[in-house]
Amino acid sequence: MNDLQRMVSTLWREGLRLCLLDLLWRLHGANDFMLVDLVAPYGFKATRGNIRAELSFLENGGMVRLDHLGDLVVVHPTERGCEVAAGLLVVHGIRRPEPRD
């Protein structure tokens, strides 16, 4: 992977993480299966594997809580995750949200 591909991959993942947090904040939670479809209108063509990898990153940072129910992962935003989604807290590895009207 060259430098440009690495940069695009990093930007994609940072944007997907913000999108996930924003959706979880507004929905008060979701599951990994739903999130695949929910991120698509925002330009993210993600697999469940992509979603789960980024949810793991968010869980490790204390921004979501994951409940594994068989093959399904139920995701709950934490207060920290909601603060990041609202732009009140900046976390390395997550794109900052645009100002809201």
PDB file of N, CA and C in Angstrom:
ATOM      1  N   MET A   1       0.851  -1.181   0.000  1.00  0.00           N
ATOM      2  CA  MET A   1       0.000   0.000   0.000  1.00  0.00           C
ATOM      3  C   MET A   1       0.892   1.237   0.000  1.00  0.00           C
ATOM      4  N   ASN A   2       0.621   2.165  -0.925  1.00  0.00           N
ATOM      5  CA  ASN A   2       1.438   3.378  -0.982  1.00  0.00           C
ATOM      6  C   ASN A   2       0.890   4.444  -0.030  1.00  0.00           C
ATOM      7  N   ASP A   3       1.598   5.565   0.033  1.00  0.00           N
ATOM      8  CA  ASP A   3       1.224   6.625   0.986  1.00  0.00           C
ATOM      9  C   ASP A   3      -0.178   7.173   0.728  1.00  0.00           C
ATOM     10  N   LEU A   4      -0.532   7.375  -0.539  1.00  0.00           N
ATOM     11  CA  LEU A   4      -1.860   7.905  -0.860  1.00  0.00           C
ATOM     12  C   LEU A   4      -2.953   6.921  -0.452  1.00  0.00           C
ATOM     13  N   GLN A   5      -2.754   5.650  -0.715  1.00  0.00           N
ATOM     14  CA  GLN A   5      -3.740   4.637  -0.328  1.00  0.00           C
ATOM     15  C   GLN A   5      -3.890   4.574   1.188  1.00  0.00           C
ATOM     16  N   ARG A   6      -2.780   4.679   1.905  1.00  0.00           N
ATOM     17  CA  ARG A   6      -2.826   4.684   3.373  1.00  0.00           C
ATOM     18  C   ARG A   6      -3.595   5.892   3.891  1.00  0.00           C
ATOM     19  N   MET A   7      -3.365   7.055   3.269  1.00  0.00           N
ATOM     20  CA  MET A   7      -4.055   8.271   3.695  1.00  0.00           C
ATOM     21  C   MET A   7      -5.560   8.154   3.431  1.00  0.00           C
ATOM     22  N   VAL A   8      -5.937   7.645   2.263  1.00  0.00           N
ATOM     23  CA  VAL A   8      -7.356   7.474   1.943  1.00  0.00           C
ATOM     24  C   VAL A   8      -7.993   6.481   2.905  1.00  0.00           C
ATOM     25  N   SER A   9      -7.308   5.388   3.194  1.00  0.00           N
ATOM     26  CA  SER A   9      -7.828   4.387   4.131  1.00  0.00           C
ATOM     27  C   SER A   9      -8.028   4.985   5.521  1.00  0.00           C
ATOM     28  N   THR A  10      -7.077   5.777   5.975  1.00  0.00           N
ATOM     29  CA  THR A  10      -7.175   6.415   7.293  1.00  0.00           C
ATOM     30  C   THR A  10      -8.346   7.390   7.334  1.00  0.00           C
ATOM     31  N   LEU A  11      -8.477   8.211   6.296  1.00  0.00           N
ATOM     32  CA  LEU A  11      -9.583   9.170   6.255  1.00  0.00           C
ATOM     33  C   LEU A  11     -10.929   8.460   6.207  1.00  0.00           C
ATOM     34  N   TRP A  12     -11.016   7.360   5.461  1.00  0.00           N
ATOM     35  CA  TRP A  12     -12.260   6.592   5.364  1.00  0.00           C
ATOM     36  C   TRP A  12     -12.645   6.033   6.731  1.00  0.00           C
ATOM     37  N   ARG A  13     -11.671   5.438   7.423  1.00  0.00           N
ATOM     38  CA  ARG A  13     -11.946   4.851   8.735  1.00  0.00           C
ATOM     39  C   ARG A  13     -12.313   5.922   9.761  1.00  0.00           C
ATOM     40  N   GLU A  14     -11.623   7.058   9.754  1.00  0.00           N
ATOM     41  CA  GLU A  14     -11.954   8.141  10.692  1.00  0.00           C
ATOM     42  C   GLU A  14     -13.353   8.681  10.434  1.00  0.00           C
ATOM     43  N   GLY A  15     -13.720   8.799   9.163  1.00  0.00           N
ATOM     44  CA  GLY A  15     -15.062   9.258   8.816  1.00  0.00           C
ATOM     45  C   GLY A  15     -16.134   8.248   9.183  1.00  0.00           C
ATOM     46  N   LEU A  16     -15.849   6.972   8.959  1.00  0.00           N
ATOM     47  CA  LEU A  16     -16.803   5.918   9.324  1.00  0.00           C
ATOM     48  C   LEU A  16     -17.021   5.891  10.831  1.00  0.00           C
ATOM     49  N   ARG A  17     -15.970   6.060  11.592  1.00  0.00           N
ATOM     50  CA  ARG A  17     -16.106   6.078  13.058  1.00  0.00           C
ATOM     51  C   ARG A  17     -17.017   7.216  13.510  1.00  0.00           C
ATOM     52  N   LEU A  18     -16.846   8.399  12.927  1.00  0.00           N
ATOM     53  CA  LEU A  18     -17.714   9.518  13.275  1.00  0.00           C
ATOM     54  C   LEU A  18     -19.150   9.225  12.859  1.00  0.00           C
ATOM     55  N   CYS A  19     -19.335   8.680  11.669  1.00  0.00           N
ATOM     56  CA  CYS A  19     -20.679   8.354  11.188  1.00  0.00           C
ATOM     57  C   CYS A  19     -21.354   7.367  12.134  1.00  0.00           C
ATOM     58  N   LEU A  20     -20.630   6.349  12.555  1.00  0.00           N
ATOM     59  CA  LEU A  20     -21.187   5.367  13.484  1.00  0.00           C
ATOM     60  C   LEU A  20     -21.602   6.029  14.793  1.00  0.00           C
ATOM     61  N   LEU A  21     -20.722   6.849  15.353  1.00  0.00           N
ATOM     62  CA  LEU A  21     -21.052   7.523  16.621  1.00  0.00           C
ATOM     63  C   LEU A  21     -22.251   8.437  16.464  1.00  0.00           C
ATOM     64  N   ASP A  22     -22.321   9.158  15.360  1.00  0.00           N
ATOM     65  CA  ASP A  22     -23.445  10.066  15.137  1.00  0.00           C
ATOM     66  C   ASP A  22     -24.758   9.289  15.040  1.00  0.00           C
ATOM     67  N   LEU A  23     -24.757   8.197  14.291  1.00  0.00           N
ATOM     68  CA  LEU A  23     -25.960   7.369  14.179  1.00  0.00           C
ATOM     69  C   LEU A  23     -26.360   6.785  15.532  1.00  0.00           C
ATOM     70  N   LEU A  24     -25.387   6.273  16.255  1.00  0.00           N
ATOM     71  CA  LEU A  24     -25.672   5.671  17.559  1.00  0.00           C
ATOM     72  C   LEU A  24     -26.191   6.712  18.548  1.00  0.00           C
ATOM     73  N   TRP A  25     -25.654   7.916  18.477  1.00  0.00           N
ATOM     74  CA  TRP A  25     -26.093   9.012  19.346  1.00  0.00           C
ATOM     75  C   TRP A  25     -27.550   9.354  19.057  1.00  0.00           C
ATOM     76  N   ARG A  26     -27.885   9.472  17.765  1.00  0.00           N
ATOM     77  CA  ARG A  26     -29.253   9.847  17.393  1.00  0.00           C
ATOM     78  C   ARG A  26     -30.252   8.714  17.584  1.00  0.00           C
ATOM     79  N   LEU A  27     -29.817   7.468  17.400  1.00  0.00           N
ATOM     80  CA  LEU A  27     -30.722   6.322  17.531  1.00  0.00           C
ATOM     81  C   LEU A  27     -30.722   5.719  18.933  1.00  0.00           C
ATOM     82  N   HIS A  28     -29.797   6.140  19.770  1.00  0.00           N
ATOM     83  CA  HIS A  28     -29.632   5.593  21.125  1.00  0.00           C
ATOM     84  C   HIS A  28     -29.225   4.129  21.094  1.00  0.00           C
ATOM     85  N   GLY A  29     -28.592   3.719  19.986  1.00  0.00           N
ATOM     86  CA  GLY A  29     -28.102   2.344  19.860  1.00  0.00           C
ATOM     87  C   GLY A  29     -28.569   1.715  18.562  1.00  0.00           C
ATOM     88  N   ALA A  30     -27.949   0.594  18.221  1.00  0.00           N
ATOM     89  CA  ALA A  30     -28.292  -0.138  17.001  1.00  0.00           C
ATOM     90  C   ALA A  30     -27.568  -1.475  17.066  1.00  0.00           C
ATOM     91  N   ASN A  31     -27.621  -2.237  15.973  1.00  0.00           N
ATOM     92  CA  ASN A  31     -26.821  -3.463  15.902  1.00  0.00           C
ATOM     93  C   ASN A  31     -25.951  -3.405  14.654  1.00  0.00           C
ATOM     94  N   ASP A  32     -24.938  -4.264  14.621  1.00  0.00           N
ATOM     95  CA  ASP A  32     -23.972  -4.215  13.530  1.00  0.00           C
ATOM     96  C   ASP A  32     -24.608  -4.487  12.171  1.00  0.00           C
ATOM     97  N   PHE A  33     -25.614  -5.338  12.122  1.00  0.00           N
ATOM     98  CA  PHE A  33     -26.291  -5.662  10.870  1.00  0.00           C
ATOM     99  C   PHE A  33     -26.998  -4.424  10.307  1.00  0.00           C
ATOM    100  N   MET A  34     -27.702  -3.694  11.169  1.00  0.00           N
ATOM    101  CA  MET A  34     -28.391  -2.462  10.761  1.00  0.00           C
ATOM    102  C   MET A  34     -27.400  -1.391  10.316  1.00  0.00           C
ATOM    103  N   LEU A  35     -26.289  -1.290  11.019  1.00  0.00           N
ATOM    104  CA  LEU A  35     -25.327  -0.227  10.747  1.00  0.00           C
ATOM    105  C   LEU A  35     -24.730  -0.318   9.347  1.00  0.00           C
ATOM    106  N   VAL A  36     -24.604  -1.523   8.807  1.00  0.00           N
ATOM    107  CA  VAL A  36     -24.109  -1.675   7.432  1.00  0.00           C
ATOM    108  C   VAL A  36     -24.989  -0.865   6.485  1.00  0.00           C
ATOM    109  N   ASP A  37     -26.295  -0.991   6.629  1.00  0.00           N
ATOM    110  CA  ASP A  37     -27.233  -0.267   5.765  1.00  0.00           C
ATOM    111  C   ASP A  37     -27.340   1.209   6.135  1.00  0.00           C
ATOM    112  N   LEU A  38     -27.232   1.528   7.416  1.00  0.00           N
ATOM    113  CA  LEU A  38     -27.398   2.915   7.857  1.00  0.00           C
ATOM    114  C   LEU A  38     -26.251   3.824   7.425  1.00  0.00           C
ATOM    115  N   VAL A  39     -25.035   3.287   7.286  1.00  0.00           N
ATOM    116  CA  VAL A  39     -23.905   4.132   6.880  1.00  0.00           C
ATOM    117  C   VAL A  39     -23.852   4.339   5.366  1.00  0.00           C
ATOM    118  N   ALA A  40     -24.523   3.482   4.597  1.00  0.00           N
ATOM    119  CA  ALA A  40     -24.461   3.546   3.130  1.00  0.00           C
ATOM    120  C   ALA A  40     -24.912   4.894   2.554  1.00  0.00           C
ATOM    121  N   PRO A  41     -26.024   5.482   3.021  1.00  0.00           N
ATOM    122  CA  PRO A  41     -26.432   6.781   2.459  1.00  0.00           C
ATOM    123  C   PRO A  41     -25.419   7.909   2.713  1.00  0.00           C
ATOM    124  N   TYR A  42     -24.486   7.689   3.640  1.00  0.00           N
ATOM    125  CA  TYR A  42     -23.456   8.683   3.939  1.00  0.00           C
ATOM    126  C   TYR A  42     -22.180   8.422   3.152  1.00  0.00           C
ATOM    127  N   GLY A  43     -22.245   7.485   2.201  1.00  0.00           N
ATOM    128  CA  GLY A  43     -21.115   7.235   1.317  1.00  0.00           C
ATOM    129  C   GLY A  43     -20.164   6.146   1.770  1.00  0.00           C
ATOM    130  N   PHE A  44     -20.541   5.382   2.770  1.00  0.00           N
ATOM    131  CA  PHE A  44     -19.670   4.326   3.277  1.00  0.00           C
ATOM    132  C   PHE A  44     -20.183   2.955   2.844  1.00  0.00           C
ATOM    133  N   LYS A  45     -19.471   2.333   1.928  1.00  0.00           N
ATOM    134  CA  LYS A  45     -19.794   0.969   1.516  1.00  0.00           C
ATOM    135  C   LYS A  45     -18.968   0.059   2.425  1.00  0.00           C
ATOM    136  N   ALA A  46     -19.584  -0.357   3.531  1.00  0.00           N
ATOM    137  CA  ALA A  46     -18.868  -1.109   4.571  1.00  0.00           C
ATOM    138  C   ALA A  46     -19.470  -2.494   4.738  1.00  0.00           C
ATOM    139  N   THR A  47     -18.622  -3.444   5.056  1.00  0.00           N
ATOM    140  CA  THR A  47     -19.069  -4.788   5.377  1.00  0.00           C
ATOM    141  C   THR A  47     -19.301  -4.886   6.882  1.00  0.00           C
ATOM    142  N   ARG A  48     -19.918  -5.966   7.312  1.00  0.00           N
ATOM    143  CA  ARG A  48     -20.064  -6.176   8.762  1.00  0.00           C
ATOM    144  C   ARG A  48     -18.698  -6.264   9.413  1.00  0.00           C
ATOM    145  N   GLY A  49     -17.730  -6.833   8.700  1.00  0.00           N
ATOM    146  CA  GLY A  49     -16.363  -6.900   9.224  1.00  0.00           C
ATOM    147  C   GLY A  49     -15.777  -5.519   9.434  1.00  0.00           C
ATOM    148  N   ASN A  50     -15.990  -4.611   8.453  1.00  0.00           N
ATOM    149  CA  ASN A  50     -15.533  -3.219   8.607  1.00  0.00           C
ATOM    150  C   ASN A  50     -16.192  -2.572   9.810  1.00  0.00           C
ATOM    151  N   ILE A  51     -17.508  -2.737   9.908  1.00  0.00           N
ATOM    152  CA  ILE A  51     -18.265  -2.135  11.012  1.00  0.00           C
ATOM    153  C   ILE A  51     -17.767  -2.672  12.346  1.00  0.00           C
ATOM    154  N   ARG A  52     -17.602  -3.977  12.439  1.00  0.00           N
ATOM    155  CA  ARG A  52     -17.143  -4.578  13.698  1.00  0.00           C
ATOM    156  C   ARG A  52     -15.745  -4.123  14.077  1.00  0.00           C
ATOM    157  N   ALA A  53     -14.867  -3.965  13.087  1.00  0.00           N
ATOM    158  CA  ALA A  53     -13.506  -3.497  13.378  1.00  0.00           C
ATOM    159  C   ALA A  53     -13.537  -2.091  13.964  1.00  0.00           C
ATOM    160  N   GLU A  54     -14.360  -1.217  13.389  1.00  0.00           N
ATOM    161  CA  GLU A  54     -14.425   0.154  13.895  1.00  0.00           C
ATOM    162  C   GLU A  54     -15.165   0.227  15.223  1.00  0.00           C
ATOM    163  N   LEU A  55     -16.159  -0.647  15.415  1.00  0.00           N
ATOM    164  CA  LEU A  55     -16.836  -0.696  16.716  1.00  0.00           C
ATOM    165  C   LEU A  55     -15.869  -1.152  17.805  1.00  0.00           C
ATOM    166  N   SER A  56     -14.966  -2.045  17.465  1.00  0.00           N
ATOM    167  CA  SER A  56     -13.954  -2.493  18.420  1.00  0.00           C
ATOM    168  C   SER A  56     -13.045  -1.321  18.815  1.00  0.00           C
ATOM    169  N   PHE A  57     -12.645  -0.523  17.818  1.00  0.00           N
ATOM    170  CA  PHE A  57     -11.847   0.676  18.093  1.00  0.00           C
ATOM    171  C   PHE A  57     -12.602   1.597  19.046  1.00  0.00           C
ATOM    172  N   LEU A  58     -13.887   1.819  18.750  1.00  0.00           N
ATOM    173  CA  LEU A  58     -14.696   2.706  19.583  1.00  0.00           C
ATOM    174  C   LEU A  58     -14.901   2.144  20.987  1.00  0.00           C
ATOM    175  N   GLU A  59     -15.065   0.832  21.089  1.00  0.00           N
ATOM    176  CA  GLU A  59     -15.212   0.207  22.405  1.00  0.00           C
ATOM    177  C   GLU A  59     -13.928   0.365  23.216  1.00  0.00           C
ATOM    178  N   ASN A  60     -12.786   0.149  22.589  1.00  0.00           N
ATOM    179  CA  ASN A  60     -11.502   0.289  23.283  1.00  0.00           C
ATOM    180  C   ASN A  60     -11.282   1.711  23.773  1.00  0.00           C
ATOM    181  N   GLY A  61     -11.876   2.691  23.084  1.00  0.00           N
ATOM    182  CA  GLY A  61     -11.759   4.086  23.492  1.00  0.00           C
ATOM    183  C   GLY A  61     -12.847   4.529  24.450  1.00  0.00           C
ATOM    184  N   GLY A  62     -13.707   3.598  24.859  1.00  0.00           N
ATOM    185  CA  GLY A  62     -14.757   3.930  25.820  1.00  0.00           C
ATOM    186  C   GLY A  62     -15.916   4.716  25.236  1.00  0.00           C
ATOM    187  N   MET A  63     -16.101   4.632  23.910  1.00  0.00           N
ATOM    188  CA  MET A  63     -17.161   5.412  23.271  1.00  0.00           C
ATOM    189  C   MET A  63     -18.422   4.618  22.988  1.00  0.00           C
ATOM    190  N   VAL A  64     -18.334   3.297  23.033  1.00  0.00           N
ATOM    191  CA  VAL A  64     -19.505   2.435  22.869  1.00  0.00           C
ATOM    192  C   VAL A  64     -19.363   1.232  23.794  1.00  0.00           C
ATOM    193  N   ARG A  65     -20.505   0.608  24.062  1.00  0.00           N
ATOM    194  CA  ARG A  65     -20.543  -0.659  24.788  1.00  0.00           C
ATOM    195  C   ARG A  65     -21.150  -1.681  23.831  1.00  0.00           C
ATOM    196  N   LEU A  66     -20.500  -2.832  23.719  1.00  0.00           N
ATOM    197  CA  LEU A  66     -20.952  -3.876  22.808  1.00  0.00           C
ATOM    198  C   LEU A  66     -21.520  -5.052  23.586  1.00  0.00           C
ATOM    199  N   ASP A  67     -22.683  -5.534  23.157  1.00  0.00           N
ATOM    200  CA  ASP A  67     -23.287  -6.750  23.699  1.00  0.00           C
ATOM    201  C   ASP A  67     -23.367  -7.762  22.568  1.00  0.00           C
ATOM    202  N   HIS A  68     -22.710  -8.904  22.743  1.00  0.00           N
ATOM    203  CA  HIS A  68     -22.704  -9.956  21.722  1.00  0.00           C
ATOM    204  C   HIS A  68     -23.850 -10.921  21.998  1.00  0.00           C
ATOM    205  N   LEU A  69     -24.780 -10.992  21.053  1.00  0.00           N
ATOM    206  CA  LEU A  69     -25.949 -11.860  21.162  1.00  0.00           C
ATOM    207  C   LEU A  69     -25.934 -12.816  19.982  1.00  0.00           C
ATOM    208  N   GLY A  70     -25.292 -13.958  20.156  1.00  0.00           N
ATOM    209  CA  GLY A  70     -25.134 -14.896  19.049  1.00  0.00           C
ATOM    210  C   GLY A  70     -24.277 -14.258  17.977  1.00  0.00           C
ATOM    211  N   ASP A  71     -24.797 -14.179  16.752  1.00  0.00           N
ATOM    212  CA  ASP A  71     -24.058 -13.591  15.639  1.00  0.00           C
ATOM    213  C   ASP A  71     -24.275 -12.080  15.529  1.00  0.00           C
ATOM    214  N   LEU A  72     -25.059 -11.514  16.407  1.00  0.00           N
ATOM    215  CA  LEU A  72     -25.394 -10.102  16.355  1.00  0.00           C
ATOM    216  C   LEU A  72     -24.628  -9.335  17.429  1.00  0.00           C
ATOM    217  N   VAL A  73     -24.193  -8.137  17.086  1.00  0.00           N
ATOM    218  CA  VAL A  73     -23.545  -7.249  18.055  1.00  0.00           C
ATOM    219  C   VAL A  73     -24.451  -6.038  18.248  1.00  0.00           C
ATOM    220  N   VAL A  74     -24.949  -5.872  19.468  1.00  0.00           N
ATOM    221  CA  VAL A  74     -25.780  -4.716  19.807  1.00  0.00           C
ATOM    222  C   VAL A  74     -24.853  -3.647  20.377  1.00  0.00           C
ATOM    223  N   VAL A  75     -25.017  -2.422  19.876  1.00  0.00           N
ATOM    224  CA  VAL A  75     -24.103  -1.330  20.209  1.00  0.00           C
ATOM    225  C   VAL A  75     -24.848  -0.230  20.943  1.00  0.00           C
ATOM    226  N   HIS A  76     -24.279   0.200  22.060  1.00  0.00           N
ATOM    227  CA  HIS A  76     -24.850   1.280  22.867  1.00  0.00           C
ATOM    228  C   HIS A  76     -23.802   2.388  22.987  1.00  0.00           C
ATOM    229  N   PRO A  77     -24.158   3.619  22.650  1.00  0.00           N
ATOM    230  CA  PRO A  77     -23.192   4.705  22.815  1.00  0.00           C
ATOM    231  C   PRO A  77     -23.015   5.033  24.296  1.00  0.00           C
ATOM    232  N   THR A  78     -21.811   5.404  24.659  1.00  0.00           N
ATOM    233  CA  THR A  78     -21.555   5.872  26.026  1.00  0.00           C
ATOM    234  C   THR A  78     -21.639   7.395  26.029  1.00  0.00           C
ATOM    235  N   GLU A  79     -21.570   7.970  27.201  1.00  0.00           N
ATOM    236  CA  GLU A  79     -21.572   9.430  27.307  1.00  0.00           C
ATOM    237  C   GLU A  79     -20.399  10.009  26.523  1.00  0.00           C
ATOM    238  N   ARG A  80     -19.240   9.372  26.657  1.00  0.00           N
ATOM    239  CA  ARG A  80     -18.042   9.815  25.915  1.00  0.00           C
ATOM    240  C   ARG A  80     -18.292   9.771  24.409  1.00  0.00           C
ATOM    241  N   GLY A  81     -18.914   8.706  23.922  1.00  0.00           N
ATOM    242  CA  GLY A  81     -19.207   8.583  22.496  1.00  0.00           C
ATOM    243  C   GLY A  81     -20.151   9.663  22.009  1.00  0.00           C
ATOM    244  N   CYS A  82     -21.143   9.990  22.828  1.00  0.00           N
ATOM    245  CA  CYS A  82     -22.086  11.057  22.474  1.00  0.00           C
ATOM    246  C   CYS A  82     -21.395  12.412  22.448  1.00  0.00           C
ATOM    247  N   GLU A  83     -20.460  12.619  23.353  1.00  0.00           N
ATOM    248  CA  GLU A  83     -19.709  13.876  23.374  1.00  0.00           C
ATOM    249  C   GLU A  83     -18.846  14.020  22.120  1.00  0.00           C
ATOM    250  N   VAL A  84     -18.259  12.916  21.667  1.00  0.00           N
ATOM    251  CA  VAL A  84     -17.465  12.952  20.432  1.00  0.00           C
ATOM    252  C   VAL A  84     -18.376  13.245  19.243  1.00  0.00           C
ATOM    253  N   ALA A  85     -19.514  12.564  19.169  1.00  0.00           N
ATOM    254  CA  ALA A  85     -20.457  12.772  18.066  1.00  0.00           C
ATOM    255  C   ALA A  85     -20.960  14.210  18.019  1.00  0.00           C
ATOM    256  N   ALA A  86     -21.130  14.819  19.183  1.00  0.00           N
ATOM    257  CA  ALA A  86     -21.628  16.195  19.259  1.00  0.00           C
ATOM    258  C   ALA A  86     -20.531  17.232  19.027  1.00  0.00           C
ATOM    259  N   GLY A  87     -19.292  16.779  18.915  1.00  0.00           N
ATOM    260  CA  GLY A  87     -18.190  17.710  18.708  1.00  0.00           C
ATOM    261  C   GLY A  87     -17.692  18.364  19.973  1.00  0.00           C
ATOM    262  N   LEU A  88     -18.099  17.851  21.131  1.00  0.00           N
ATOM    263  CA  LEU A  88     -17.669  18.411  22.414  1.00  0.00           C
ATOM    264  C   LEU A  88     -16.334  17.850  22.872  1.00  0.00           C
ATOM    265  N   LEU A  89     -15.939  16.731  22.301  1.00  0.00           N
ATOM    266  CA  LEU A  89     -14.711  16.046  22.685  1.00  0.00           C
ATOM    267  C   LEU A  89     -14.003  15.604  21.415  1.00  0.00           C
ATOM    268  N   VAL A  90     -12.703  15.846  21.349  1.00  0.00           N
ATOM    269  CA  VAL A  90     -11.898  15.447  20.193  1.00  0.00           C
ATOM    270  C   VAL A  90     -11.095  14.208  20.571  1.00  0.00           C
ATOM    271  N   VAL A  91     -11.164  13.178  19.717  1.00  0.00           N
ATOM    272  CA  VAL A  91     -10.436  11.937  19.947  1.00  0.00           C
ATOM    273  C   VAL A  91      -9.619  11.620  18.698  1.00  0.00           C
ATOM    274  N   HIS A  92      -8.337  11.366  18.885  1.00  0.00           N
ATOM    275  CA  HIS A  92      -7.464  10.997  17.766  1.00  0.00           C
ATOM    276  C   HIS A  92      -8.009   9.735  17.094  1.00  0.00           C
ATOM    277  N   GLY A  93      -8.089   9.762  15.780  1.00  0.00           N
ATOM    278  CA  GLY A  93      -8.572   8.616  15.027  1.00  0.00           C
ATOM    279  C   GLY A  93     -10.037   8.706  14.639  1.00  0.00           C
ATOM    280  N   ILE A  94     -10.691   9.802  15.039  1.00  0.00           N
ATOM    281  CA  ILE A  94     -12.095  10.019  14.680  1.00  0.00           C
ATOM    282  C   ILE A  94     -12.213  11.417  14.085  1.00  0.00           C
ATOM    283  N   ARG A  95     -12.817  11.482  12.916  1.00  0.00           N
ATOM    284  CA  ARG A  95     -13.002  12.769  12.259  1.00  0.00           C
ATOM    285  C   ARG A  95     -13.865  13.677  13.132  1.00  0.00           C
ATOM    286  N   ARG A  96     -13.522  14.952  13.144  1.00  0.00           N
ATOM    287  CA  ARG A  96     -14.330  15.929  13.886  1.00  0.00           C
ATOM    288  C   ARG A  96     -15.581  16.247  13.087  1.00  0.00           C
ATOM    289  N   PRO A  97     -16.714  16.372  13.751  1.00  0.00           N
ATOM    290  CA  PRO A  97     -17.949  16.703  13.016  1.00  0.00           C
ATOM    291  C   PRO A  97     -17.931  18.149  12.530  1.00  0.00           C
ATOM    292  N   GLU A  98     -18.684  18.364  11.470  1.00  0.00           N
ATOM    293  CA  GLU A  98     -18.890  19.726  10.970  1.00  0.00           C
ATOM    294  C   GLU A  98     -19.777  20.462  11.971  1.00  0.00           C
ATOM    295  N   PRO A  99     -19.653  21.779  12.059  1.00  0.00           N
ATOM    296  CA  PRO A  99     -20.541  22.532  12.971  1.00  0.00           C
ATOM    297  C   PRO A  99     -22.007  22.310  12.601  1.00  0.00           C
ATOM    298  N   ARG A 100     -22.838  22.169  13.597  1.00  0.00           N
ATOM    299  CA  ARG A 100     -24.278  21.974  13.382  1.00  0.00           C
ATOM    300  C   ARG A 100     -24.974  23.327  13.389  1.00  0.00           C
ATOM    301  N   ASP A 101     -26.068  23.399  12.646  1.00  0.00           N
ATOM    302  CA  ASP A 101     -26.853  24.646  12.613  1.00  0.00           C
ATOM    303  C   ASP A 101     -27.659  24.805  13.863  1.00  0.00           C
TER     304      ASP A 101
END
